[in-house]
């Protein structure tokens, strides 16, 4: 199952879901072990070190310095890793609302990390975008 590539279908049926908890970004030095209790939702290794996204309470309990308190929004459609324009359309719309976003693509879904204090607003923006692509408008412009 390769995932959806049709942009209109992706946008119309993305079903954004605001996941529970506050997430944060943290970093580990290049050869540092991963704290056992951290349970990151994402990690990415770069030359300079490992970026970790985890629940705030787990990161703080592990003694990590954290930045960017955010909420995770999961786009509940199996998007193809080769889909063209999906995240561009989403990030452009969030940018127009002056909402920062850090997108992460995984095998089945795309996930957006948005500022914790703007998460509900981000969900509204995404729902409007989905409805516009279904040809339905229930939100005020």
C-alpha atoms as a PDB file:
ATOM      1  CA  UNK A   1       0.000   0.000   0.000  1.00  0.00           C
ATOM      2  CA  UNK A   2       1.851   3.067  -1.297  1.00  0.00           C
ATOM      3  CA  UNK A   3      -0.468   5.826  -0.067  1.00  0.00           C
ATOM      4  CA  UNK A   4      -2.551   8.522  -1.742  1.00  0.00           C
ATOM      5  CA  UNK A   5      -0.961  10.871  -4.287  1.00  0.00           C
ATOM      6  CA  UNK A   6      -3.973  12.853  -5.553  1.00  0.00           C
ATOM      7  CA  UNK A   7      -3.593  16.343  -4.045  1.00  0.00           C
ATOM      8  CA  UNK A   8      -7.292  17.226  -4.082  1.00  0.00           C
ATOM      9  CA  UNK A   9      -8.205  13.954  -2.351  1.00  0.00           C
ATOM     10  CA  UNK A  10      -5.397  14.377   0.181  1.00  0.00           C
ATOM     11  CA  UNK A  11      -6.552  17.876   1.098  1.00  0.00           C
ATOM     12  CA  UNK A  12     -10.252  16.986   1.142  1.00  0.00           C
ATOM     13  CA  UNK A  13      -9.892  13.915   3.345  1.00  0.00           C
ATOM     14  CA  UNK A  14      -6.874  14.659   5.563  1.00  0.00           C
ATOM     15  CA  UNK A  15      -8.938  14.639   8.819  1.00  0.00           C
ATOM     16  CA  UNK A  16      -6.575  16.586  11.122  1.00  0.00           C
ATOM     17  CA  UNK A  17      -6.466  15.218  14.666  1.00  0.00           C
ATOM     18  CA  UNK A  18      -4.996  17.141  17.588  1.00  0.00           C
ATOM     19  CA  UNK A  19      -3.087  14.600  19.658  1.00  0.00           C
ATOM     20  CA  UNK A  20      -2.985  14.827  23.459  1.00  0.00           C
ATOM     21  CA  UNK A  21      -0.069  16.275  25.363  1.00  0.00           C
ATOM     22  CA  UNK A  22       2.519  18.972  24.927  1.00  0.00           C
ATOM     23  CA  UNK A  23       5.555  17.967  22.883  1.00  0.00           C
ATOM     24  CA  UNK A  24       8.968  19.607  22.850  1.00  0.00           C
ATOM     25  CA  UNK A  25      12.138  19.454  20.807  1.00  0.00           C
ATOM     26  CA  UNK A  26      15.389  18.467  22.488  1.00  0.00           C
ATOM     27  CA  UNK A  27      18.878  17.546  21.323  1.00  0.00           C
ATOM     28  CA  UNK A  28      21.396  14.921  22.284  1.00  0.00           C
ATOM     29  CA  UNK A  29      25.132  15.024  21.491  1.00  0.00           C
ATOM     30  CA  UNK A  30      26.183  12.809  18.556  1.00  0.00           C
ATOM     31  CA  UNK A  31      27.173   9.729  20.572  1.00  0.00           C
ATOM     32  CA  UNK A  32      24.897  10.173  23.600  1.00  0.00           C
ATOM     33  CA  UNK A  33      22.622   7.261  24.503  1.00  0.00           C
ATOM     34  CA  UNK A  34      18.853   7.731  24.301  1.00  0.00           C
ATOM     35  CA  UNK A  35      17.392   8.010  27.827  1.00  0.00           C
ATOM     36  CA  UNK A  36      15.354   4.834  28.452  1.00  0.00           C
ATOM     37  CA  UNK A  37      12.260   6.639  29.712  1.00  0.00           C
ATOM     38  CA  UNK A  38      12.098   9.225  26.904  1.00  0.00           C
ATOM     39  CA  UNK A  39       9.893   7.368  24.375  1.00  0.00           C
ATOM     40  CA  UNK A  40      10.357   9.914  21.538  1.00  0.00           C
ATOM     41  CA  UNK A  41       7.741  10.236  18.797  1.00  0.00           C
ATOM     42  CA  UNK A  42      10.527  11.248  16.412  1.00  0.00           C
ATOM     43  CA  UNK A  43      14.275  11.301  16.320  1.00  0.00           C
ATOM     44  CA  UNK A  44      16.602  12.423  13.586  1.00  0.00           C
ATOM     45  CA  UNK A  45      20.348  11.998  13.582  1.00  0.00           C
ATOM     46  CA  UNK A  46      22.484  14.782  12.145  1.00  0.00           C
ATOM     47  CA  UNK A  47      26.257  15.292  12.284  1.00  0.00           C
ATOM     48  CA  UNK A  48      25.838  17.776  15.144  1.00  0.00           C
ATOM     49  CA  UNK A  49      23.628  15.509  17.254  1.00  0.00           C
ATOM     50  CA  UNK A  50      20.220  13.864  17.498  1.00  0.00           C
ATOM     51  CA  UNK A  51      17.004  15.871  17.440  1.00  0.00           C
ATOM     52  CA  UNK A  52      14.264  14.369  19.576  1.00  0.00           C
ATOM     53  CA  UNK A  53      10.561  15.205  19.729  1.00  0.00           C
ATOM     54  CA  UNK A  54       8.958  13.868  22.893  1.00  0.00           C
ATOM     55  CA  UNK A  55       6.281  14.651  25.423  1.00  0.00           C
ATOM     56  CA  UNK A  56       7.388  17.532  27.592  1.00  0.00           C
ATOM     57  CA  UNK A  57       7.108  15.679  30.888  1.00  0.00           C
ATOM     58  CA  UNK A  58       9.240  12.770  29.583  1.00  0.00           C
ATOM     59  CA  UNK A  59      11.925  15.108  28.211  1.00  0.00           C
ATOM     60  CA  UNK A  60      12.113  17.103  31.429  1.00  0.00           C
ATOM     61  CA  UNK A  61      12.203  13.904  33.523  1.00  0.00           C
ATOM     62  CA  UNK A  62      15.177  12.786  31.391  1.00  0.00           C
ATOM     63  CA  UNK A  63      16.925  16.068  32.240  1.00  0.00           C
ATOM     64  CA  UNK A  64      16.932  17.388  28.669  1.00  0.00           C
ATOM     65  CA  UNK A  65      16.958  21.058  27.758  1.00  0.00           C
ATOM     66  CA  UNK A  66      13.855  21.650  25.653  1.00  0.00           C
ATOM     67  CA  UNK A  67      12.558  24.180  23.135  1.00  0.00           C
ATOM     68  CA  UNK A  68       9.354  24.771  21.170  1.00  0.00           C
ATOM     69  CA  UNK A  69       6.366  23.711  23.251  1.00  0.00           C
ATOM     70  CA  UNK A  70       4.041  22.321  20.624  1.00  0.00           C
ATOM     71  CA  UNK A  71       1.085  20.089  19.923  1.00  0.00           C
ATOM     72  CA  UNK A  72       1.113  17.273  17.407  1.00  0.00           C
ATOM     73  CA  UNK A  73      -1.516  17.261  14.669  1.00  0.00           C
ATOM     74  CA  UNK A  74      -1.846  14.008  12.756  1.00  0.00           C
ATOM     75  CA  UNK A  75      -3.282  14.193   9.251  1.00  0.00           C
ATOM     76  CA  UNK A  76      -5.346  11.019   9.131  1.00  0.00           C
ATOM     77  CA  UNK A  77      -4.892  10.013   5.534  1.00  0.00           C
ATOM     78  CA  UNK A  78      -2.277   7.569   4.266  1.00  0.00           C
ATOM     79  CA  UNK A  79      -0.321   9.994   2.125  1.00  0.00           C
ATOM     80  CA  UNK A  80       2.299   8.734  -0.260  1.00  0.00           C
ATOM     81  CA  UNK A  81       5.855   9.754   0.496  1.00  0.00           C
ATOM     82  CA  UNK A  82       5.918  10.855  -3.165  1.00  0.00           C
ATOM     83  CA  UNK A  83       2.783  13.032  -2.985  1.00  0.00           C
ATOM     84  CA  UNK A  84       3.410  16.424  -4.591  1.00  0.00           C
ATOM     85  CA  UNK A  85       2.198  19.649  -3.003  1.00  0.00           C
ATOM     86  CA  UNK A  86       0.365  18.260   0.042  1.00  0.00           C
ATOM     87  CA  UNK A  87       2.570  19.748   2.732  1.00  0.00           C
ATOM     88  CA  UNK A  88       3.193  22.831   0.602  1.00  0.00           C
ATOM     89  CA  UNK A  89      -0.555  23.578   0.531  1.00  0.00           C
ATOM     90  CA  UNK A  90      -0.867  22.986   4.269  1.00  0.00           C
ATOM     91  CA  UNK A  91       2.179  24.986   5.329  1.00  0.00           C
ATOM     92  CA  UNK A  92       1.218  27.836   3.002  1.00  0.00           C
ATOM     93  CA  UNK A  93      -2.241  28.032   4.580  1.00  0.00           C
ATOM     94  CA  UNK A  94      -0.816  27.930   8.109  1.00  0.00           C
ATOM     95  CA  UNK A  95       1.744  30.583   7.167  1.00  0.00           C
ATOM     96  CA  UNK A  96      -1.069  32.833   5.914  1.00  0.00           C
ATOM     97  CA  UNK A  97      -2.560  32.536   9.420  1.00  0.00           C
ATOM     98  CA  UNK A  98       0.912  33.293  10.870  1.00  0.00           C
ATOM     99  CA  UNK A  99       1.113  29.855  12.512  1.00  0.00           C
ATOM    100  CA  UNK A 100       4.538  28.248  12.510  1.00  0.00           C
ATOM    101  CA  UNK A 101       4.717  24.549  11.730  1.00  0.00           C
ATOM    102  CA  UNK A 102       7.309  21.801  11.749  1.00  0.00           C
ATOM    103  CA  UNK A 103       6.043  18.958   9.550  1.00  0.00           C
ATOM    104  CA  UNK A 104       7.255  15.373   9.865  1.00  0.00           C
ATOM    105  CA  UNK A 105       6.388  12.743   7.286  1.00  0.00           C
ATOM    106  CA  UNK A 106       6.188   9.157   8.461  1.00  0.00           C
ATOM    107  CA  UNK A 107       5.321   6.023   6.495  1.00  0.00           C
ATOM    108  CA  UNK A 108       1.535   6.263   6.928  1.00  0.00           C
ATOM    109  CA  UNK A 109       0.781   9.869   7.869  1.00  0.00           C
ATOM    110  CA  UNK A 110       2.101  13.392   7.969  1.00  0.00           C
ATOM    111  CA  UNK A 111       2.323  15.043  11.375  1.00  0.00           C
ATOM    112  CA  UNK A 112       2.488  18.741  12.128  1.00  0.00           C
ATOM    113  CA  UNK A 113       4.040  20.237  15.231  1.00  0.00           C
ATOM    114  CA  UNK A 114       2.433  23.621  15.854  1.00  0.00           C
ATOM    115  CA  UNK A 115       2.870  26.080  18.742  1.00  0.00           C
ATOM    116  CA  UNK A 116       0.933  24.756  21.746  1.00  0.00           C
ATOM    117  CA  UNK A 117      -0.948  28.019  22.231  1.00  0.00           C
ATOM    118  CA  UNK A 118      -2.148  28.078  18.582  1.00  0.00           C
ATOM    119  CA  UNK A 119      -3.025  24.402  18.152  1.00  0.00           C
ATOM    120  CA  UNK A 120      -6.817  24.810  18.168  1.00  0.00           C
ATOM    121  CA  UNK A 121      -6.522  27.630  15.639  1.00  0.00           C
ATOM    122  CA  UNK A 122      -4.314  25.433  13.440  1.00  0.00           C
ATOM    123  CA  UNK A 123      -6.952  22.684  13.535  1.00  0.00           C
ATOM    124  CA  UNK A 124      -9.609  25.198  12.419  1.00  0.00           C
ATOM    125  CA  UNK A 125      -7.404  26.351   9.519  1.00  0.00           C
ATOM    126  CA  UNK A 126      -6.828  22.764   8.418  1.00  0.00           C
ATOM    127  CA  UNK A 127     -10.509  21.839   8.656  1.00  0.00           C
ATOM    128  CA  UNK A 128     -11.420  24.850   6.513  1.00  0.00           C
ATOM    129  CA  UNK A 129      -8.814  23.801   3.948  1.00  0.00           C
ATOM    130  CA  UNK A 130     -10.258  20.268   3.861  1.00  0.00           C
ATOM    131  CA  UNK A 131     -13.810  21.563   3.481  1.00  0.00           C
ATOM    132  CA  UNK A 132     -12.804  23.919   0.666  1.00  0.00           C
ATOM    133  CA  UNK A 133     -11.391  20.925  -1.195  1.00  0.00           C
ATOM    134  CA  UNK A 134     -14.602  18.957  -0.638  1.00  0.00           C
ATOM    135  CA  UNK A 135     -16.586  21.908  -1.957  1.00  0.00           C
ATOM    136  CA  UNK A 136     -18.240  22.435   1.456  1.00  0.00           C
ATOM    137  CA  UNK A 137     -18.020  25.562   3.588  1.00  0.00           C
ATOM    138  CA  UNK A 138     -19.296  25.552   7.158  1.00  0.00           C
ATOM    139  CA  UNK A 139     -16.749  27.935   8.665  1.00  0.00           C
ATOM    140  CA  UNK A 140     -16.872  31.686   8.161  1.00  0.00           C
ATOM    141  CA  UNK A 141     -14.220  32.935   5.697  1.00  0.00           C
END
